[in-house]
Amino acid sequence: MKFLHTMVRVTDVDDSLDFYCNKLGMVEVTRNDYPEGRFTLIFLAAPEDVERARDERAPMLELTFNWDPESYDEGRNFGHLAFVVDDIYATCEKLMAAGVTINRPPRDGRMAFVRSPDNISIELLQKGEALPKAEPWASMPNTGKW
């Protein structure tokens, strides 16, 4: 397993980039708009991590800007921690056997979400290409929030 990124939701891209880049010194690595989902993802890295972030897509800070206004209470502006795993199905199976609820199953063979005992959302991503869709994951519904 390898740490990828931490995600926080932001309400103003310019203010956020001013803080994280101009004041804190982070560097913008990538930015993508997703019109179908109505959000923008901006990935930042610490100056000493820029080359690694570009090569490995880690370690980074992900800023998520949702185009539709939303009030972030109860810590909702903090999104998740993300890790890449060798086999998402085996990882989720191991977690379920240990009593962990899979909040967003890896239906697509690529991504799943679980929560820590303190309710921190954890994103698990399949290393490399997505695995072929497989049961019980393909038809498993979401549980709770992720």
N, C-alpha and C. Protein backbone atom coordinates (compact mmCIF):
# COMPACT_ATOMS: atom_id res chain seq x y z
N MET A 1 0.84 -1.16 0.00
CA MET A 1 0.00 0.00 0.00
C MET A 1 0.90 1.23 0.00
N LYS A 2 0.45 2.28 -0.70
CA LYS A 2 1.20 3.53 -0.78
C LYS A 2 0.24 4.69 -0.59
N PHE A 3 0.63 5.67 0.24
CA PHE A 3 -0.18 6.86 0.45
C PHE A 3 -0.19 7.69 -0.82
N LEU A 4 -1.40 8.15 -1.21
CA LEU A 4 -1.52 8.95 -2.42
C LEU A 4 -1.78 10.42 -2.13
N HIS A 5 -2.94 10.70 -1.49
CA HIS A 5 -3.30 12.10 -1.28
C HIS A 5 -4.32 12.25 -0.16
N THR A 6 -4.44 13.49 0.29
CA THR A 6 -5.51 13.88 1.20
C THR A 6 -6.36 14.89 0.46
N MET A 7 -7.69 14.79 0.59
CA MET A 7 -8.59 15.67 -0.12
C MET A 7 -9.32 16.58 0.84
N VAL A 8 -9.39 17.87 0.49
CA VAL A 8 -10.22 18.83 1.21
C VAL A 8 -11.08 19.56 0.20
N ARG A 9 -12.31 19.85 0.60
CA ARG A 9 -13.21 20.63 -0.24
C ARG A 9 -12.98 22.11 0.02
N VAL A 10 -13.02 22.90 -1.03
CA VAL A 10 -12.80 24.33 -0.91
C VAL A 10 -13.99 25.08 -1.50
N THR A 11 -14.25 26.28 -0.96
CA THR A 11 -15.39 27.07 -1.44
C THR A 11 -14.97 28.16 -2.42
N ASP A 12 -13.68 28.50 -2.47
CA ASP A 12 -13.19 29.54 -3.38
C ASP A 12 -11.81 29.13 -3.87
N VAL A 13 -11.71 28.82 -5.16
CA VAL A 13 -10.45 28.34 -5.72
C VAL A 13 -9.35 29.37 -5.57
N ASP A 14 -9.63 30.63 -5.92
CA ASP A 14 -8.60 31.67 -5.85
C ASP A 14 -8.08 31.86 -4.44
N ASP A 15 -8.99 31.96 -3.47
CA ASP A 15 -8.56 32.12 -2.07
C ASP A 15 -7.74 30.91 -1.61
N SER A 16 -8.18 29.73 -2.00
CA SER A 16 -7.49 28.51 -1.58
C SER A 16 -6.10 28.42 -2.19
N LEU A 17 -5.99 28.72 -3.50
CA LEU A 17 -4.68 28.67 -4.14
C LEU A 17 -3.76 29.75 -3.59
N ASP A 18 -4.32 30.91 -3.27
CA ASP A 18 -3.51 31.96 -2.65
C ASP A 18 -2.93 31.45 -1.33
N PHE A 19 -3.77 30.79 -0.53
CA PHE A 19 -3.29 30.27 0.75
C PHE A 19 -2.27 29.15 0.55
N TYR A 20 -2.68 28.08 -0.16
CA TYR A 20 -1.82 26.90 -0.26
C TYR A 20 -0.55 27.14 -1.09
N CYS A 21 -0.66 27.92 -2.18
CA CYS A 21 0.50 28.12 -3.05
C CYS A 21 1.29 29.38 -2.70
N ASN A 22 0.63 30.53 -2.68
CA ASN A 22 1.35 31.79 -2.45
C ASN A 22 1.84 31.93 -1.02
N LYS A 23 1.03 31.52 -0.08
CA LYS A 23 1.40 31.71 1.32
C LYS A 23 2.12 30.51 1.92
N LEU A 24 1.61 29.32 1.65
CA LEU A 24 2.21 28.11 2.23
C LEU A 24 3.37 27.58 1.39
N GLY A 25 3.36 27.90 0.09
CA GLY A 25 4.47 27.50 -0.77
C GLY A 25 4.27 26.22 -1.56
N MET A 26 3.05 25.66 -1.56
CA MET A 26 2.81 24.45 -2.34
C MET A 26 2.78 24.80 -3.83
N VAL A 27 2.87 23.77 -4.68
CA VAL A 27 2.93 23.95 -6.12
C VAL A 27 1.76 23.20 -6.77
N GLU A 28 1.06 23.87 -7.70
CA GLU A 28 -0.03 23.20 -8.43
C GLU A 28 0.58 22.22 -9.42
N VAL A 29 0.15 20.95 -9.33
CA VAL A 29 0.68 19.90 -10.19
C VAL A 29 -0.28 19.62 -11.34
N THR A 30 -1.57 19.46 -11.03
CA THR A 30 -2.58 19.24 -12.08
C THR A 30 -3.89 19.90 -11.68
N ARG A 31 -4.71 20.17 -12.72
CA ARG A 31 -6.06 20.72 -12.50
C ARG A 31 -6.95 20.15 -13.60
N ASN A 32 -8.10 19.63 -13.20
CA ASN A 32 -9.06 19.08 -14.16
C ASN A 32 -10.47 19.47 -13.77
N ASP A 33 -11.23 19.92 -14.77
CA ASP A 33 -12.65 20.21 -14.59
C ASP A 33 -13.46 19.00 -15.03
N TYR A 34 -14.53 18.70 -14.29
CA TYR A 34 -15.42 17.59 -14.61
C TYR A 34 -16.84 18.13 -14.73
N PRO A 35 -17.19 18.65 -15.93
CA PRO A 35 -18.51 19.27 -16.11
C PRO A 35 -19.67 18.33 -15.79
N GLU A 36 -19.52 17.03 -16.11
CA GLU A 36 -20.61 16.09 -15.84
C GLU A 36 -20.87 15.95 -14.35
N GLY A 37 -19.84 16.05 -13.55
CA GLY A 37 -20.00 15.96 -12.10
C GLY A 37 -20.06 17.32 -11.42
N ARG A 38 -19.82 18.38 -12.19
CA ARG A 38 -19.87 19.76 -11.71
C ARG A 38 -18.87 20.01 -10.58
N PHE A 39 -17.59 19.61 -10.84
CA PHE A 39 -16.55 19.87 -9.86
C PHE A 39 -15.20 20.01 -10.56
N THR A 40 -14.25 20.59 -9.84
CA THR A 40 -12.87 20.76 -10.30
C THR A 40 -11.95 20.12 -9.26
N LEU A 41 -10.95 19.39 -9.74
CA LEU A 41 -9.93 18.81 -8.86
C LEU A 41 -8.60 19.48 -9.16
N ILE A 42 -7.95 19.97 -8.11
CA ILE A 42 -6.64 20.58 -8.22
C ILE A 42 -5.71 19.84 -7.27
N PHE A 43 -4.61 19.32 -7.81
CA PHE A 43 -3.65 18.59 -6.99
C PHE A 43 -2.41 19.44 -6.77
N LEU A 44 -2.02 19.55 -5.50
CA LEU A 44 -0.86 20.34 -5.10
C LEU A 44 0.18 19.43 -4.46
N ALA A 45 1.43 19.88 -4.51
CA ALA A 45 2.51 19.13 -3.84
C ALA A 45 3.42 20.13 -3.14
N ALA A 46 4.07 19.66 -2.10
CA ALA A 46 5.11 20.46 -1.45
C ALA A 46 6.26 20.60 -2.44
N PRO A 47 7.00 21.72 -2.39
CA PRO A 47 8.08 21.93 -3.37
C PRO A 47 9.03 20.75 -3.51
N GLU A 48 9.39 20.11 -2.42
CA GLU A 48 10.33 18.98 -2.50
C GLU A 48 9.69 17.71 -3.03
N ASP A 49 8.37 17.69 -3.15
CA ASP A 49 7.66 16.50 -3.63
C ASP A 49 7.13 16.64 -5.05
N VAL A 50 7.38 17.77 -5.73
CA VAL A 50 6.77 18.03 -7.04
C VAL A 50 7.16 16.96 -8.05
N GLU A 51 8.43 16.64 -8.17
CA GLU A 51 8.86 15.65 -9.16
C GLU A 51 8.22 14.29 -8.88
N ARG A 52 8.24 13.89 -7.62
CA ARG A 52 7.62 12.61 -7.24
C ARG A 52 6.12 12.66 -7.51
N ALA A 53 5.47 13.78 -7.21
CA ALA A 53 4.03 13.90 -7.45
C ALA A 53 3.71 13.76 -8.93
N ARG A 54 4.53 14.34 -9.79
CA ARG A 54 4.29 14.23 -11.24
C ARG A 54 4.55 12.82 -11.74
N ASP A 55 5.56 12.16 -11.19
CA ASP A 55 5.90 10.81 -11.63
C ASP A 55 4.98 9.74 -11.04
N GLU A 56 4.68 9.88 -9.75
CA GLU A 56 3.96 8.82 -9.03
C GLU A 56 2.53 9.20 -8.64
N ARG A 57 2.13 10.46 -8.89
CA ARG A 57 0.82 10.98 -8.47
C ARG A 57 0.68 10.92 -6.95
N ALA A 58 1.80 11.08 -6.24
CA ALA A 58 1.80 11.05 -4.78
C ALA A 58 3.11 11.62 -4.29
N PRO A 59 3.18 12.13 -3.10
CA PRO A 59 2.09 12.49 -2.19
C PRO A 59 1.56 13.88 -2.54
N MET A 60 0.25 14.04 -2.47
CA MET A 60 -0.34 15.32 -2.87
C MET A 60 -1.49 15.70 -1.96
N LEU A 61 -1.87 16.97 -2.10
CA LEU A 61 -3.08 17.51 -1.48
C LEU A 61 -4.05 17.75 -2.61
N GLU A 62 -5.25 17.17 -2.52
CA GLU A 62 -6.28 17.36 -3.53
C GLU A 62 -7.27 18.40 -3.03
N LEU A 63 -7.44 19.47 -3.81
CA LEU A 63 -8.47 20.46 -3.51
C LEU A 63 -9.65 20.17 -4.42
N THR A 64 -10.82 19.97 -3.83
CA THR A 64 -12.03 19.71 -4.60
C THR A 64 -12.94 20.91 -4.50
N PHE A 65 -13.28 21.48 -5.65
CA PHE A 65 -14.20 22.61 -5.71
C PHE A 65 -15.47 22.15 -6.39
N ASN A 66 -16.57 22.08 -5.62
CA ASN A 66 -17.87 21.72 -6.17
C ASN A 66 -18.51 22.99 -6.71
N TRP A 67 -18.94 22.94 -7.97
CA TRP A 67 -19.46 24.13 -8.64
C TRP A 67 -20.76 24.63 -8.03
N ASP A 68 -21.54 23.73 -7.49
CA ASP A 68 -22.79 24.15 -6.84
C ASP A 68 -22.49 24.45 -5.38
N PRO A 69 -22.91 25.63 -4.90
CA PRO A 69 -22.61 26.00 -3.51
C PRO A 69 -23.11 24.94 -2.52
N GLU A 70 -22.28 24.68 -1.53
CA GLU A 70 -22.61 23.71 -0.50
C GLU A 70 -22.03 24.18 0.82
N SER A 71 -22.78 24.00 1.88
CA SER A 71 -22.29 24.36 3.21
C SER A 71 -21.58 23.14 3.79
N TYR A 72 -20.34 23.33 4.19
CA TYR A 72 -19.56 22.23 4.74
C TYR A 72 -19.55 22.31 6.25
N ASP A 73 -20.38 21.47 6.86
CA ASP A 73 -20.40 21.41 8.31
C ASP A 73 -19.96 20.02 8.74
N GLU A 74 -19.78 19.84 10.01
CA GLU A 74 -19.38 18.55 10.57
C GLU A 74 -18.09 18.02 9.93
N GLY A 75 -17.20 18.92 9.54
CA GLY A 75 -15.94 18.49 8.96
C GLY A 75 -16.05 17.97 7.54
N ARG A 76 -17.17 18.21 6.85
CA ARG A 76 -17.36 17.69 5.50
C ARG A 76 -16.36 18.28 4.51
N ASN A 77 -15.76 19.42 4.85
CA ASN A 77 -14.78 19.98 3.93
C ASN A 77 -13.53 19.11 3.85
N PHE A 78 -13.26 18.31 4.91
CA PHE A 78 -12.19 17.33 4.82
C PHE A 78 -12.75 16.13 4.08
N GLY A 79 -12.12 15.75 3.01
CA GLY A 79 -12.66 14.68 2.18
C GLY A 79 -12.23 13.29 2.59
N HIS A 80 -10.99 12.92 2.29
CA HIS A 80 -10.58 11.55 2.54
C HIS A 80 -9.07 11.42 2.44
N LEU A 81 -8.58 10.29 2.94
CA LEU A 81 -7.21 9.85 2.70
C LEU A 81 -7.28 8.84 1.56
N ALA A 82 -6.27 8.78 0.72
CA ALA A 82 -6.31 7.84 -0.41
C ALA A 82 -5.05 6.98 -0.43
N PHE A 83 -5.25 5.68 -0.69
CA PHE A 83 -4.17 4.72 -0.77
C PHE A 83 -4.36 3.87 -2.02
N VAL A 84 -3.27 3.53 -2.68
CA VAL A 84 -3.32 2.58 -3.78
C VAL A 84 -2.99 1.21 -3.22
N VAL A 85 -3.70 0.18 -3.68
CA VAL A 85 -3.50 -1.19 -3.19
C VAL A 85 -3.27 -2.13 -4.37
N ASP A 86 -2.58 -3.24 -4.11
CA ASP A 86 -2.26 -4.19 -5.17
C ASP A 86 -3.49 -4.91 -5.71
N ASP A 87 -4.45 -5.24 -4.83
CA ASP A 87 -5.65 -5.98 -5.23
C ASP A 87 -6.82 -5.44 -4.42
N ILE A 88 -7.64 -4.61 -5.04
CA ILE A 88 -8.73 -3.95 -4.31
C ILE A 88 -9.74 -4.95 -3.77
N TYR A 89 -9.99 -6.02 -4.50
CA TYR A 89 -10.95 -7.02 -4.02
C TYR A 89 -10.40 -7.74 -2.79
N ALA A 90 -9.15 -8.16 -2.83
CA ALA A 90 -8.55 -8.85 -1.68
C ALA A 90 -8.49 -7.92 -0.47
N THR A 91 -8.16 -6.66 -0.71
CA THR A 91 -8.08 -5.70 0.40
C THR A 91 -9.45 -5.51 1.04
N CYS A 92 -10.48 -5.33 0.21
CA CYS A 92 -11.84 -5.15 0.76
C CYS A 92 -12.33 -6.42 1.46
N GLU A 93 -12.00 -7.57 0.91
CA GLU A 93 -12.39 -8.83 1.55
C GLU A 93 -11.73 -8.96 2.93
N LYS A 94 -10.45 -8.63 3.01
CA LYS A 94 -9.72 -8.68 4.28
C LYS A 94 -10.34 -7.70 5.29
N LEU A 95 -10.66 -6.50 4.83
CA LEU A 95 -11.27 -5.50 5.72
C LEU A 95 -12.65 -5.96 6.21
N MET A 96 -13.46 -6.50 5.30
CA MET A 96 -14.79 -6.99 5.70
C MET A 96 -14.66 -8.11 6.72
N ALA A 97 -13.72 -9.02 6.51
CA ALA A 97 -13.51 -10.14 7.44
C ALA A 97 -13.10 -9.63 8.82
N ALA A 98 -12.49 -8.44 8.86
CA ALA A 98 -12.06 -7.84 10.12
C ALA A 98 -13.15 -6.94 10.73
N GLY A 99 -14.34 -6.94 10.10
CA GLY A 99 -15.46 -6.19 10.65
C GLY A 99 -15.60 -4.77 10.13
N VAL A 100 -14.85 -4.40 9.10
CA VAL A 100 -14.94 -3.05 8.53
C VAL A 100 -16.06 -3.02 7.49
N THR A 101 -16.91 -1.99 7.56
CA THR A 101 -17.98 -1.81 6.58
C THR A 101 -17.40 -1.18 5.32
N ILE A 102 -17.72 -1.75 4.18
CA ILE A 102 -17.31 -1.18 2.90
C ILE A 102 -18.41 -0.21 2.49
N ASN A 103 -18.18 1.09 2.68
CA ASN A 103 -19.21 2.09 2.40
C ASN A 103 -19.49 2.25 0.92
N ARG A 104 -18.47 2.22 0.11
CA ARG A 104 -18.63 2.28 -1.35
C ARG A 104 -17.83 1.10 -1.89
N PRO A 105 -18.52 0.01 -2.24
CA PRO A 105 -17.83 -1.18 -2.72
C PRO A 105 -17.09 -0.92 -4.05
N PRO A 106 -16.09 -1.74 -4.36
CA PRO A 106 -15.34 -1.58 -5.60
C PRO A 106 -16.08 -2.18 -6.80
N ARG A 107 -17.28 -1.69 -7.04
CA ARG A 107 -18.10 -2.22 -8.14
C ARG A 107 -17.41 -2.14 -9.49
N ASP A 108 -16.59 -1.12 -9.67
CA ASP A 108 -15.92 -0.89 -10.94
C ASP A 108 -14.53 -1.55 -11.01
N GLY A 109 -14.15 -2.26 -9.94
CA GLY A 109 -12.84 -2.89 -9.91
C GLY A 109 -11.71 -1.90 -9.71
N ARG A 110 -12.05 -0.66 -9.37
CA ARG A 110 -11.04 0.38 -9.26
C ARG A 110 -11.03 1.14 -7.95
N MET A 111 -12.21 1.43 -7.38
CA MET A 111 -12.28 2.34 -6.24
C MET A 111 -13.26 1.84 -5.19
N ALA A 112 -12.87 2.01 -3.93
CA ALA A 112 -13.75 1.69 -2.80
C ALA A 112 -13.52 2.73 -1.71
N PHE A 113 -14.49 2.85 -0.81
CA PHE A 113 -14.35 3.72 0.35
C PHE A 113 -14.75 2.96 1.60
N VAL A 114 -13.97 3.17 2.66
CA VAL A 114 -14.28 2.65 3.99
C VAL A 114 -14.11 3.82 4.96
N ARG A 115 -14.42 3.58 6.23
CA ARG A 115 -14.23 4.63 7.24
C ARG A 115 -13.42 4.08 8.40
N SER A 116 -12.63 4.98 8.98
CA SER A 116 -11.85 4.61 10.16
C SER A 116 -12.77 4.58 11.37
N PRO A 117 -12.30 4.09 12.51
CA PRO A 117 -13.12 4.11 13.72
C PRO A 117 -13.55 5.52 14.13
N ASP A 118 -12.79 6.55 13.67
CA ASP A 118 -13.14 7.93 13.98
C ASP A 118 -13.91 8.58 12.85
N ASN A 119 -14.43 7.79 11.92
CA ASN A 119 -15.26 8.25 10.81
C ASN A 119 -14.49 9.00 9.73
N ILE A 120 -13.20 8.80 9.62
CA ILE A 120 -12.43 9.40 8.54
C ILE A 120 -12.62 8.52 7.30
N SER A 121 -12.98 9.15 6.20
CA SER A 121 -13.21 8.42 4.96
C SER A 121 -11.87 8.05 4.33
N ILE A 122 -11.74 6.77 3.93
CA ILE A 122 -10.51 6.25 3.33
C ILE A 122 -10.85 5.73 1.94
N GLU A 123 -10.20 6.29 0.92
CA GLU A 123 -10.38 5.84 -0.45
C GLU A 123 -9.31 4.81 -0.77
N LEU A 124 -9.72 3.68 -1.34
CA LEU A 124 -8.80 2.64 -1.79
C LEU A 124 -8.88 2.59 -3.31
N LEU A 125 -7.74 2.66 -3.97
CA LEU A 125 -7.69 2.64 -5.43
C LEU A 125 -6.84 1.46 -5.90
N GLN A 126 -7.31 0.79 -6.93
CA GLN A 126 -6.59 -0.33 -7.51
C GLN A 126 -5.32 0.16 -8.20
N LYS A 127 -4.19 -0.47 -7.91
CA LYS A 127 -2.94 -0.13 -8.59
C LYS A 127 -3.07 -0.54 -10.06
N GLY A 128 -2.64 0.33 -10.95
CA GLY A 128 -2.70 0.02 -12.38
C GLY A 128 -4.12 0.09 -12.90
N GLU A 129 -4.43 -0.77 -13.83
CA GLU A 129 -5.76 -0.81 -14.44
C GLU A 129 -6.78 -1.40 -13.48
N ALA A 130 -8.03 -1.01 -13.68
CA ALA A 130 -9.13 -1.58 -12.88
C ALA A 130 -9.19 -3.09 -13.10
N LEU A 131 -9.57 -3.80 -12.04
CA LEU A 131 -9.79 -5.25 -12.17
C LEU A 131 -11.12 -5.48 -12.87
N PRO A 132 -11.30 -6.63 -13.52
CA PRO A 132 -12.60 -6.93 -14.13
C PRO A 132 -13.68 -6.94 -13.04
N LYS A 133 -14.88 -6.48 -13.39
CA LYS A 133 -15.99 -6.46 -12.44
C LYS A 133 -16.23 -7.88 -11.94
N ALA A 134 -16.52 -7.99 -10.63
CA ALA A 134 -16.71 -9.31 -10.03
C ALA A 134 -17.69 -9.21 -8.87
N GLU A 135 -18.37 -10.29 -8.61
CA GLU A 135 -19.27 -10.37 -7.46
C GLU A 135 -18.46 -10.82 -6.24
N PRO A 136 -18.88 -10.45 -5.06
CA PRO A 136 -20.14 -9.80 -4.73
C PRO A 136 -20.11 -8.29 -4.91
N TRP A 137 -18.95 -7.75 -5.32
CA TRP A 137 -18.75 -6.31 -5.36
C TRP A 137 -19.62 -5.60 -6.39
N ALA A 138 -19.77 -6.19 -7.58
CA ALA A 138 -20.47 -5.51 -8.67
C ALA A 138 -21.92 -5.14 -8.33
N SER A 139 -22.56 -5.93 -7.49
CA SER A 139 -23.97 -5.64 -7.16
C SER A 139 -24.16 -5.18 -5.72
N MET A 140 -23.07 -4.97 -4.99
CA MET A 140 -23.17 -4.56 -3.59
C MET A 140 -23.54 -3.07 -3.52
N PRO A 141 -24.55 -2.73 -2.72
CA PRO A 141 -24.95 -1.32 -2.61
C PRO A 141 -24.02 -0.53 -1.70
N ASN A 142 -24.09 0.78 -1.80
CA ASN A 142 -23.38 1.66 -0.87
C ASN A 142 -24.01 1.51 0.52
N THR A 143 -23.20 1.74 1.55
CA THR A 143 -23.66 1.69 2.92
C THR A 143 -23.17 2.94 3.64
N GLY A 144 -24.09 3.73 4.20
CA GLY A 144 -23.69 4.92 4.93
C GLY A 144 -23.10 5.98 4.03
N LYS A 145 -22.30 6.85 4.63
CA LYS A 145 -21.66 7.94 3.90
C LYS A 145 -20.23 7.55 3.58
N TRP A 146 -19.74 8.07 2.47
CA TRP A 146 -18.35 7.85 2.13
C TRP A 146 -17.76 9.10 1.56
